[in-house]
Protein backbone atom coordinates (compact mmCIF):
# COMPACT_ATOMS: atom_id res chain seq x y z
CA MET A 1 81.68 124.87 114.22
CA GLY A 2 85.18 124.94 112.74
CA ARG A 3 86.76 124.30 116.14
CA TYR A 4 84.43 121.35 116.68
CA VAL A 5 85.40 119.79 113.33
CA ALA A 6 89.11 120.40 114.00
CA ARG A 7 88.82 118.85 117.47
CA ARG A 8 87.02 115.80 116.06
CA LEU A 9 89.69 115.38 113.37
CA VAL A 10 92.49 115.57 115.94
CA TRP A 11 90.77 112.99 118.13
CA GLY A 12 90.23 110.79 115.06
CA VAL A 13 93.96 110.85 114.34
CA VAL A 14 94.77 110.14 118.02
CA THR A 15 92.33 107.21 118.00
CA MET A 16 93.84 105.76 114.82
CA PHE A 17 97.32 106.08 116.34
CA LEU A 18 96.22 104.31 119.53
CA VAL A 19 94.52 101.50 117.58
CA ALA A 20 97.59 101.04 115.36
CA SER A 21 99.80 100.95 118.44
CA ALA A 22 97.51 98.40 120.12
CA VAL A 23 97.62 96.20 117.02
CA PHE A 24 101.42 96.36 117.03
CA VAL A 25 101.60 95.47 120.73
CA ILE A 26 99.16 92.59 120.31
CA TYR A 27 101.27 91.25 117.42
CA PHE A 28 104.28 91.11 119.72
CA VAL A 29 102.38 89.58 122.65
CA VAL A 30 100.58 86.81 120.72
CA PRO A 31 102.51 83.53 120.54
CA GLY A 32 104.02 83.12 117.08
CA GLY A 33 104.18 86.88 116.57
CA GLY A 34 107.37 88.91 116.53
CA GLY A 35 107.84 89.04 120.29
CA GLU A 36 110.72 87.97 122.47
CA ARG A 37 112.80 85.11 121.13
CA GLU A 38 116.21 83.65 121.75
CA GLU A 39 119.30 85.10 120.08
CA GLY A 40 119.74 83.58 116.62
CA GLU A 41 116.22 82.15 116.53
CA ILE A 42 114.22 82.87 113.38
CA SER A 43 110.91 84.70 113.68
CA PRO A 44 107.87 82.39 113.32
CA VAL A 45 106.42 84.92 110.86
CA ALA A 46 109.48 84.58 108.60
CA VAL A 47 109.20 80.78 108.79
CA LEU A 48 105.51 80.96 107.86
CA ILE A 49 106.06 83.31 104.92
CA ALA A 50 109.16 81.50 103.59
CA GLY A 51 107.30 78.19 103.41
CA ARG A 52 107.97 74.62 104.44
CA ARG A 53 110.72 73.90 101.94
CA ALA A 54 112.68 77.09 102.68
CA THR A 55 116.27 76.93 103.77
CA GLN A 56 117.70 78.74 106.80
CA GLY A 57 119.08 81.40 104.42
CA ASP A 58 115.68 81.93 102.78
CA MET A 59 114.08 82.43 106.17
CA ARG A 60 116.81 84.88 107.22
CA ARG A 61 116.29 86.87 103.99
CA VAL A 62 112.53 87.07 104.62
CA GLU A 63 113.21 88.15 108.20
CA GLN A 64 115.59 90.87 107.04
CA GLY A 65 113.21 91.98 104.28
CA LEU A 66 110.45 92.46 106.84
CA SER A 67 112.86 94.06 109.36
CA LEU A 68 111.98 91.40 111.92
CA ASP A 69 115.65 91.19 112.85
CA LYS A 70 115.62 94.80 114.09
CA PRO A 71 114.82 95.94 117.66
CA VAL A 72 111.13 96.32 118.56
CA LEU A 73 111.25 100.12 118.74
CA VAL A 74 112.77 100.33 115.25
CA GLN A 75 110.05 98.01 113.95
CA TYR A 76 107.40 100.15 115.65
CA ARG A 77 108.82 103.35 114.10
CA ASN A 78 108.89 101.72 110.65
CA TYR A 79 105.31 100.47 111.13
CA ILE A 80 103.91 103.87 112.18
CA THR A 81 105.87 105.68 109.44
CA ALA A 82 104.55 103.31 106.77
CA LEU A 83 100.96 103.71 108.04
CA ALA A 84 101.33 107.50 108.05
CA LYS A 85 102.38 107.32 104.38
CA GLY A 86 99.35 105.18 103.55
CA ASP A 87 101.32 101.95 103.10
CA LEU A 88 99.15 99.19 104.57
CA GLY A 89 101.65 96.46 103.78
CA PHE A 90 101.50 93.29 101.74
CA SER A 91 98.95 90.49 102.08
CA TYR A 92 100.71 87.17 101.81
CA ALA A 93 97.33 85.42 101.82
CA PHE A 94 96.24 87.23 98.63
CA GLY A 95 99.69 87.84 97.19
CA ALA A 96 98.99 91.55 96.67
CA PRO A 97 99.34 94.87 98.50
CA VAL A 98 96.68 95.30 101.19
CA ARG A 99 95.56 98.57 99.60
CA ASP A 100 94.71 96.72 96.36
CA VAL A 101 92.83 94.00 98.24
CA VAL A 102 90.82 96.61 100.16
CA MET A 103 90.06 98.65 97.03
CA GLN A 104 88.90 95.52 95.22
CA ALA A 105 86.47 94.67 98.04
CA LEU A 106 85.32 98.28 98.56
CA PRO A 107 82.45 98.37 96.00
CA ALA A 108 80.82 95.22 97.40
CA SER A 109 81.29 96.40 101.00
CA ALA A 110 79.90 99.85 100.18
CA SER A 111 76.83 98.39 98.47
CA ILE A 112 76.14 96.15 101.47
CA ALA A 113 76.56 99.10 103.86
CA PHE A 114 74.29 101.29 101.73
CA GLY A 115 71.62 98.58 101.48
CA ALA A 116 71.74 97.92 105.22
CA SER A 117 71.52 101.64 105.97
CA LEU A 118 68.51 101.97 103.70
CA LEU A 119 66.78 99.02 105.37
CA TRP A 120 67.51 100.40 108.86
CA LEU A 121 66.24 103.83 107.82
CA LEU A 122 63.00 102.50 106.36
CA GLY A 123 62.45 100.14 109.30
CA GLY A 124 63.22 102.89 111.82
CA LEU A 125 60.83 105.29 110.13
CA ALA A 126 58.04 102.70 110.08
CA ILE A 127 58.56 101.82 113.74
CA GLY A 128 58.80 105.51 114.69
CA VAL A 129 55.54 106.36 112.92
CA ALA A 130 53.76 103.37 114.49
CA SER A 131 55.10 104.33 117.91
CA ALA A 132 54.04 107.97 117.51
CA ARG A 133 50.53 106.99 116.47
CA ASN A 134 50.13 104.81 119.57
CA ARG A 135 51.82 107.09 122.08
CA SER A 136 51.56 105.98 125.72
CA ARG A 137 49.78 102.74 124.79
CA TRP A 138 50.83 99.14 124.12
CA GLY A 139 51.53 100.01 120.47
CA ASP A 140 54.23 102.36 121.69
CA ARG A 141 55.83 99.87 124.08
CA ILE A 142 56.25 97.02 121.56
CA PRO A 143 58.56 98.99 119.19
CA GLU A 144 60.45 100.29 122.22
CA VAL A 145 61.11 96.76 123.48
CA MET A 146 62.01 95.56 119.95
CA ALA A 147 64.51 98.41 119.50
CA LEU A 148 66.08 97.76 122.90
CA ALA A 149 66.36 94.04 122.14
CA ALA A 150 67.90 94.72 118.73
CA LEU A 151 70.49 97.03 120.28
CA SER A 152 71.29 94.53 123.03
CA VAL A 153 71.96 91.54 120.78
CA PRO A 154 75.52 91.38 119.36
CA ALA A 155 75.82 91.97 115.61
CA PHE A 156 77.31 88.52 114.94
CA VAL A 157 74.26 86.85 116.50
CA ILE A 158 71.93 88.89 114.29
CA ALA A 159 74.11 87.98 111.28
CA LEU A 160 73.99 84.26 112.10
CA VAL A 161 70.22 84.35 112.59
CA GLY A 162 69.90 86.26 109.32
CA LEU A 163 72.01 83.68 107.50
CA MET A 164 69.97 80.85 108.97
CA PHE A 165 66.73 82.58 107.99
CA PHE A 166 68.05 83.28 104.47
CA TYR A 167 69.09 79.66 104.07
CA ARG A 168 65.74 78.32 105.33
CA VAL A 169 63.76 80.62 103.04
CA THR A 170 65.83 80.25 99.86
CA GLY A 171 67.81 77.04 100.36
CA ILE A 172 70.91 78.86 99.05
CA TYR A 173 74.08 78.73 101.11
CA ALA A 174 77.67 79.89 100.57
CA ARG A 175 80.46 77.36 100.24
């Protein structure tokens, strides 16, 4: 049992490393990211963060502060090192460290996840009991088909249908 847990933890760390590396690579491949640019050209990210009224010097300072003027491998090392230390960076959209933004949203996200899990558990139990009572008959096939359909539909489609249903029933919508 201990070896199983250790193996799962190691694979979890490997998976997180691969995902972080993929995110870094995608950042450099996407137009407007930190990828290849001409010598002396300012990073589009630095331009975006510095703002419209920023001077060339302001943009250069932002670029240096974010280490966007360094080689890609140095940026990658800094990125992985910061992630390993638990530094998720700074959100310029919220004007706060990402860790603070995540921690602020965590209670609401956890309550939604708990509520959804409870609904899925209760629904699954009800369908399982109904299916067991009608074994090898039509009452067993209907829940089977419903479960297969629910697993086949992408989550965003279910979410959109749920939002539409919620709006139709209550008339409340988010702005």
